[in-house]
Amino acid sequence: MVFFFQQPVPNHHNWIPDLSPAHPYGQLAFIFGIDDQPSRTPAALREVAVQKLSAFDPKVDFLCWCNAGDIFSIYLVIGILASMGIPNVQILSWHKPISREDKGRYVPVTVPLIA
């Protein structure tokens, strides 16, 4: 499963990123919804994230930031996973298109949380 930190929030041009390049890595899920504000209500949203991450398996699941939403969602999720004793996570890193035919792609990067 691919856990996006937050469902994309449309920008001022109503643009939302195309998440389809993440599909090869699993079903897409959002830890926080479009209206959630982790930077304003982290304590209230912590339990929401804990519940959604309860089945997170670092061997097969991925995290992904789609460059849209509240960046504090990243801090909150990483802190929760570290507190769960998860030593490493796989984060999908976006690689921009290199030609007109290329849509761009996500590449997994393993990030240590606990030394």
N, C-alpha and C. Protein backbone atom coordinates (compact mmCIF):
# COMPACT_ATOMS: atom_id res chain seq x y z
N MET A 1 0.85 -1.18 0.00
CA MET A 1 0.00 0.00 0.00
C MET A 1 0.89 1.24 0.00
N VAL A 2 0.42 2.26 -0.67
CA VAL A 2 1.12 3.55 -0.68
C VAL A 2 0.33 4.51 0.20
N PHE A 3 0.95 4.91 1.29
CA PHE A 3 0.33 5.86 2.21
C PHE A 3 0.81 7.26 1.87
N PHE A 4 -0.06 8.05 1.25
CA PHE A 4 0.26 9.46 1.03
C PHE A 4 0.03 10.18 2.36
N PHE A 5 0.94 11.09 2.67
CA PHE A 5 0.82 11.81 3.93
C PHE A 5 -0.52 12.54 4.02
N GLN A 6 -0.92 13.17 2.92
CA GLN A 6 -2.19 13.90 2.92
C GLN A 6 -2.78 13.89 1.53
N GLN A 7 -4.11 13.83 1.49
CA GLN A 7 -4.81 13.95 0.21
C GLN A 7 -4.46 15.30 -0.39
N PRO A 8 -4.12 15.35 -1.67
CA PRO A 8 -3.69 16.62 -2.27
C PRO A 8 -4.75 17.71 -2.15
N VAL A 9 -4.28 18.88 -1.81
CA VAL A 9 -5.12 20.08 -1.74
C VAL A 9 -4.90 20.85 -3.04
N PRO A 10 -5.96 21.15 -3.78
CA PRO A 10 -5.78 21.91 -5.02
C PRO A 10 -5.11 23.26 -4.75
N ASN A 11 -4.19 23.64 -5.63
CA ASN A 11 -3.53 24.94 -5.46
C ASN A 11 -4.44 26.05 -5.99
N HIS A 12 -3.92 27.26 -6.04
CA HIS A 12 -4.74 28.41 -6.45
C HIS A 12 -5.17 28.35 -7.92
N HIS A 13 -4.57 27.44 -8.70
CA HIS A 13 -4.99 27.23 -10.09
C HIS A 13 -5.88 25.99 -10.21
N ASN A 14 -6.27 25.44 -9.06
CA ASN A 14 -7.10 24.24 -8.97
C ASN A 14 -6.37 23.00 -9.49
N TRP A 15 -5.04 23.04 -9.50
CA TRP A 15 -4.23 21.90 -9.95
C TRP A 15 -4.05 20.90 -8.82
N ILE A 16 -4.17 19.63 -9.17
CA ILE A 16 -3.91 18.53 -8.24
C ILE A 16 -2.92 17.60 -8.92
N PRO A 17 -1.89 17.13 -8.21
CA PRO A 17 -0.91 16.26 -8.85
C PRO A 17 -1.52 14.93 -9.30
N ASP A 18 -0.98 14.39 -10.37
CA ASP A 18 -1.38 13.08 -10.88
C ASP A 18 -0.67 12.02 -10.03
N LEU A 19 -1.43 11.22 -9.33
CA LEU A 19 -0.85 10.21 -8.44
C LEU A 19 -0.72 8.84 -9.10
N SER A 20 -1.16 8.73 -10.34
CA SER A 20 -1.14 7.42 -11.01
C SER A 20 0.24 6.78 -11.10
N PRO A 21 1.35 7.52 -11.18
CA PRO A 21 2.65 6.84 -11.19
C PRO A 21 2.96 6.06 -9.91
N ALA A 22 2.19 6.26 -8.85
CA ALA A 22 2.41 5.50 -7.61
C ALA A 22 1.68 4.15 -7.61
N HIS A 23 0.75 3.96 -8.53
CA HIS A 23 -0.05 2.73 -8.57
C HIS A 23 0.78 1.44 -8.62
N PRO A 24 1.91 1.39 -9.32
CA PRO A 24 2.67 0.13 -9.34
C PRO A 24 3.14 -0.33 -7.95
N TYR A 25 3.15 0.56 -6.99
CA TYR A 25 3.63 0.22 -5.65
C TYR A 25 2.51 -0.23 -4.71
N GLY A 26 1.28 -0.18 -5.17
CA GLY A 26 0.18 -0.66 -4.34
C GLY A 26 -1.03 0.26 -4.36
N GLN A 27 -2.02 -0.15 -3.61
CA GLN A 27 -3.24 0.63 -3.46
C GLN A 27 -2.91 1.96 -2.79
N LEU A 28 -3.55 3.04 -3.23
CA LEU A 28 -3.28 4.37 -2.68
C LEU A 28 -4.21 4.65 -1.50
N ALA A 29 -3.64 5.21 -0.44
CA ALA A 29 -4.40 5.60 0.75
C ALA A 29 -3.87 6.94 1.24
N PHE A 30 -4.73 7.68 1.93
CA PHE A 30 -4.35 8.98 2.47
C PHE A 30 -4.44 8.94 3.98
N ILE A 31 -3.36 9.33 4.64
CA ILE A 31 -3.36 9.34 6.10
C ILE A 31 -4.22 10.49 6.61
N PHE A 32 -4.06 11.66 6.01
CA PHE A 32 -4.88 12.82 6.37
C PHE A 32 -5.72 13.24 5.18
N GLY A 33 -6.91 13.74 5.48
CA GLY A 33 -7.82 14.19 4.43
C GLY A 33 -7.50 15.60 3.97
N ILE A 34 -8.21 16.00 2.96
CA ILE A 34 -7.98 17.30 2.32
C ILE A 34 -8.20 18.47 3.27
N ASP A 35 -9.10 18.32 4.22
CA ASP A 35 -9.41 19.42 5.15
C ASP A 35 -8.64 19.35 6.46
N ASP A 36 -7.86 18.29 6.67
CA ASP A 36 -7.09 18.17 7.91
C ASP A 36 -5.94 19.17 7.91
N GLN A 37 -5.62 19.69 9.10
CA GLN A 37 -4.55 20.67 9.24
C GLN A 37 -3.59 20.24 10.35
N PRO A 38 -2.67 19.32 10.02
CA PRO A 38 -1.74 18.83 11.04
C PRO A 38 -0.91 19.92 11.72
N SER A 39 -0.63 21.01 11.04
CA SER A 39 0.17 22.07 11.65
C SER A 39 -0.64 22.86 12.68
N ARG A 40 -1.95 22.79 12.62
CA ARG A 40 -2.80 23.53 13.57
C ARG A 40 -3.38 22.65 14.67
N THR A 41 -3.61 21.37 14.34
CA THR A 41 -4.24 20.47 15.31
C THR A 41 -3.50 19.12 15.37
N PRO A 42 -2.18 19.15 15.64
CA PRO A 42 -1.43 17.88 15.62
C PRO A 42 -1.90 16.87 16.67
N ALA A 43 -2.25 17.31 17.85
CA ALA A 43 -2.66 16.38 18.90
C ALA A 43 -3.96 15.66 18.51
N ALA A 44 -4.90 16.41 17.98
CA ALA A 44 -6.18 15.82 17.58
C ALA A 44 -6.02 14.86 16.42
N LEU A 45 -5.12 15.17 15.50
CA LEU A 45 -4.94 14.34 14.32
C LEU A 45 -3.99 13.16 14.55
N ARG A 46 -3.26 13.19 15.65
CA ARG A 46 -2.33 12.09 15.94
C ARG A 46 -3.07 10.76 16.00
N GLU A 47 -4.21 10.73 16.69
CA GLU A 47 -4.97 9.48 16.82
C GLU A 47 -5.51 9.00 15.48
N VAL A 48 -5.89 9.92 14.62
CA VAL A 48 -6.33 9.55 13.27
C VAL A 48 -5.20 8.84 12.54
N ALA A 49 -4.01 9.40 12.63
CA ALA A 49 -2.85 8.81 11.95
C ALA A 49 -2.46 7.48 12.58
N VAL A 50 -2.48 7.38 13.89
CA VAL A 50 -2.13 6.12 14.57
C VAL A 50 -3.06 5.01 14.10
N GLN A 51 -4.33 5.30 14.01
CA GLN A 51 -5.30 4.30 13.56
C GLN A 51 -5.01 3.87 12.12
N LYS A 52 -4.77 4.82 11.24
CA LYS A 52 -4.54 4.49 9.83
C LYS A 52 -3.22 3.77 9.63
N LEU A 53 -2.24 4.03 10.49
CA LEU A 53 -0.92 3.41 10.36
C LEU A 53 -0.79 2.11 11.15
N SER A 54 -1.83 1.70 11.83
CA SER A 54 -1.73 0.51 12.70
C SER A 54 -1.34 -0.75 11.93
N ALA A 55 -1.70 -0.82 10.66
CA ALA A 55 -1.35 -2.00 9.86
C ALA A 55 -0.16 -1.74 8.94
N PHE A 56 0.54 -0.62 9.14
CA PHE A 56 1.68 -0.29 8.28
C PHE A 56 2.76 -1.35 8.41
N ASP A 57 3.19 -1.89 7.28
CA ASP A 57 4.25 -2.90 7.23
C ASP A 57 5.41 -2.33 6.44
N PRO A 58 6.51 -1.98 7.09
CA PRO A 58 7.61 -1.32 6.39
C PRO A 58 8.28 -2.19 5.33
N LYS A 59 8.00 -3.48 5.33
CA LYS A 59 8.60 -4.37 4.32
C LYS A 59 7.86 -4.29 2.98
N VAL A 60 6.59 -3.90 3.01
CA VAL A 60 5.82 -3.89 1.77
C VAL A 60 5.10 -2.56 1.49
N ASP A 61 4.99 -1.71 2.50
CA ASP A 61 4.26 -0.45 2.34
C ASP A 61 5.22 0.71 2.08
N PHE A 62 4.67 1.75 1.49
CA PHE A 62 5.44 2.94 1.14
C PHE A 62 4.76 4.19 1.69
N LEU A 63 5.57 5.21 1.93
CA LEU A 63 5.07 6.55 2.23
C LEU A 63 5.33 7.42 1.01
N CYS A 64 4.50 8.43 0.82
CA CYS A 64 4.70 9.30 -0.34
C CYS A 64 4.17 10.70 -0.05
N TRP A 65 4.96 11.68 -0.42
CA TRP A 65 4.57 13.09 -0.35
C TRP A 65 4.31 13.53 -1.78
N CYS A 66 3.12 14.04 -2.04
CA CYS A 66 2.77 14.42 -3.42
C CYS A 66 2.96 15.90 -3.68
N ASN A 67 3.71 16.58 -2.81
CA ASN A 67 4.03 17.99 -2.98
C ASN A 67 2.80 18.88 -2.92
N ALA A 68 1.82 18.43 -2.14
CA ALA A 68 0.61 19.23 -1.94
C ALA A 68 0.03 18.86 -0.58
N GLY A 69 -0.34 19.86 0.20
CA GLY A 69 -0.90 19.60 1.52
C GLY A 69 -0.08 20.26 2.60
N ASP A 70 -0.35 19.89 3.83
CA ASP A 70 0.31 20.45 5.00
C ASP A 70 1.59 19.66 5.29
N ILE A 71 2.73 20.29 5.17
CA ILE A 71 4.01 19.61 5.34
C ILE A 71 4.18 19.03 6.75
N PHE A 72 3.45 19.55 7.72
CA PHE A 72 3.53 19.00 9.07
C PHE A 72 3.02 17.56 9.12
N SER A 73 2.25 17.15 8.12
CA SER A 73 1.79 15.76 8.08
C SER A 73 2.99 14.81 8.03
N ILE A 74 4.05 15.21 7.36
CA ILE A 74 5.26 14.38 7.28
C ILE A 74 5.85 14.21 8.67
N TYR A 75 6.03 15.31 9.40
CA TYR A 75 6.64 15.24 10.73
C TYR A 75 5.83 14.36 11.67
N LEU A 76 4.52 14.53 11.62
CA LEU A 76 3.65 13.78 12.51
C LEU A 76 3.71 12.28 12.21
N VAL A 77 3.63 11.91 10.94
CA VAL A 77 3.65 10.50 10.55
C VAL A 77 5.00 9.85 10.86
N ILE A 78 6.09 10.50 10.54
CA ILE A 78 7.41 9.93 10.81
C ILE A 78 7.60 9.74 12.31
N GLY A 79 7.18 10.70 13.10
CA GLY A 79 7.27 10.56 14.56
C GLY A 79 6.46 9.38 15.07
N ILE A 80 5.28 9.20 14.54
CA ILE A 80 4.43 8.08 14.96
C ILE A 80 5.08 6.75 14.60
N LEU A 81 5.56 6.63 13.37
CA LEU A 81 6.18 5.37 12.95
C LEU A 81 7.43 5.07 13.78
N ALA A 82 8.23 6.07 14.08
CA ALA A 82 9.41 5.86 14.92
C ALA A 82 8.99 5.42 16.32
N SER A 83 7.92 6.02 16.85
CA SER A 83 7.46 5.64 18.19
C SER A 83 6.87 4.22 18.21
N MET A 84 6.47 3.72 17.05
CA MET A 84 5.98 2.34 16.93
C MET A 84 7.13 1.34 16.83
N GLY A 85 8.36 1.88 16.81
CA GLY A 85 9.53 1.01 16.75
C GLY A 85 9.91 0.56 15.35
N ILE A 86 9.36 1.22 14.35
CA ILE A 86 9.67 0.86 12.96
C ILE A 86 11.03 1.46 12.62
N PRO A 87 12.02 0.60 12.29
CA PRO A 87 13.37 1.10 12.09
C PRO A 87 13.62 1.80 10.76
N ASN A 88 12.91 1.39 9.69
CA ASN A 88 13.11 1.95 8.35
C ASN A 88 11.77 2.08 7.65
N VAL A 89 11.67 3.07 6.78
CA VAL A 89 10.50 3.21 5.92
C VAL A 89 10.97 3.40 4.49
N GLN A 90 10.10 3.01 3.58
CA GLN A 90 10.36 3.25 2.16
C GLN A 90 9.53 4.45 1.74
N ILE A 91 10.21 5.48 1.26
CA ILE A 91 9.52 6.68 0.81
C ILE A 91 9.69 6.77 -0.70
N LEU A 92 8.59 7.03 -1.40
CA LEU A 92 8.65 7.17 -2.84
C LEU A 92 9.11 8.58 -3.19
N SER A 93 10.22 8.65 -3.90
CA SER A 93 10.81 9.92 -4.32
C SER A 93 10.42 10.19 -5.77
N TRP A 94 9.93 11.39 -6.03
CA TRP A 94 9.47 11.74 -7.37
C TRP A 94 10.65 12.09 -8.27
N HIS A 95 10.69 11.47 -9.43
CA HIS A 95 11.67 11.78 -10.47
C HIS A 95 10.92 12.39 -11.64
N LYS A 96 11.28 13.62 -11.96
CA LYS A 96 10.57 14.38 -13.00
C LYS A 96 10.68 13.70 -14.36
N PRO A 97 9.72 14.01 -15.24
CA PRO A 97 9.79 13.47 -16.61
C PRO A 97 11.07 13.92 -17.31
N ILE A 98 11.61 13.02 -18.11
CA ILE A 98 12.84 13.36 -18.84
C ILE A 98 12.58 13.59 -20.33
N SER A 99 11.33 13.35 -20.77
CA SER A 99 10.95 13.60 -22.15
C SER A 99 9.44 13.88 -22.18
N ARG A 100 8.95 14.25 -23.34
CA ARG A 100 7.51 14.54 -23.46
C ARG A 100 6.66 13.28 -23.29
N GLU A 101 7.21 12.14 -23.66
CA GLU A 101 6.48 10.88 -23.54
C GLU A 101 6.49 10.35 -22.11
N ASP A 102 7.45 10.77 -21.33
CA ASP A 102 7.63 10.29 -19.96
C ASP A 102 6.70 11.06 -19.03
N LYS A 103 5.98 10.34 -18.15
CA LYS A 103 5.10 10.99 -17.17
C LYS A 103 5.83 11.30 -15.87
N GLY A 104 7.07 10.83 -15.74
CA GLY A 104 7.76 10.91 -14.47
C GLY A 104 7.48 9.63 -13.70
N ARG A 105 8.20 9.43 -12.60
CA ARG A 105 8.02 8.19 -11.87
C ARG A 105 8.46 8.36 -10.43
N TYR A 106 7.93 7.48 -9.60
CA TYR A 106 8.36 7.40 -8.21
C TYR A 106 9.41 6.31 -8.09
N VAL A 107 10.40 6.57 -7.26
CA VAL A 107 11.47 5.60 -6.99
C VAL A 107 11.56 5.43 -5.48
N PRO A 108 11.54 4.18 -4.99
CA PRO A 108 11.61 3.97 -3.54
C PRO A 108 12.99 4.25 -2.97
N VAL A 109 12.99 4.91 -1.82
CA VAL A 109 14.23 5.20 -1.09
C VAL A 109 13.99 4.73 0.36
N THR A 110 14.89 3.91 0.86
CA THR A 110 14.77 3.45 2.25
C THR A 110 15.38 4.49 3.17
N VAL A 111 14.61 4.90 4.17
CA VAL A 111 15.05 5.93 5.11
C VAL A 111 15.06 5.34 6.52
N PRO A 112 16.21 5.36 7.18
CA PRO A 112 16.28 4.83 8.55
C PRO A 112 15.62 5.81 9.53
N LEU A 113 14.80 5.27 10.42
CA LEU A 113 14.16 6.10 11.45
C LEU A 113 14.83 5.91 12.81
N ILE A 114 15.33 4.70 13.02
CA ILE A 114 15.94 4.35 14.30
C ILE A 114 17.32 3.77 14.03
N ALA A 115 18.31 4.29 14.73
CA ALA A 115 19.68 3.79 14.54
C ALA A 115 19.91 2.52 15.33
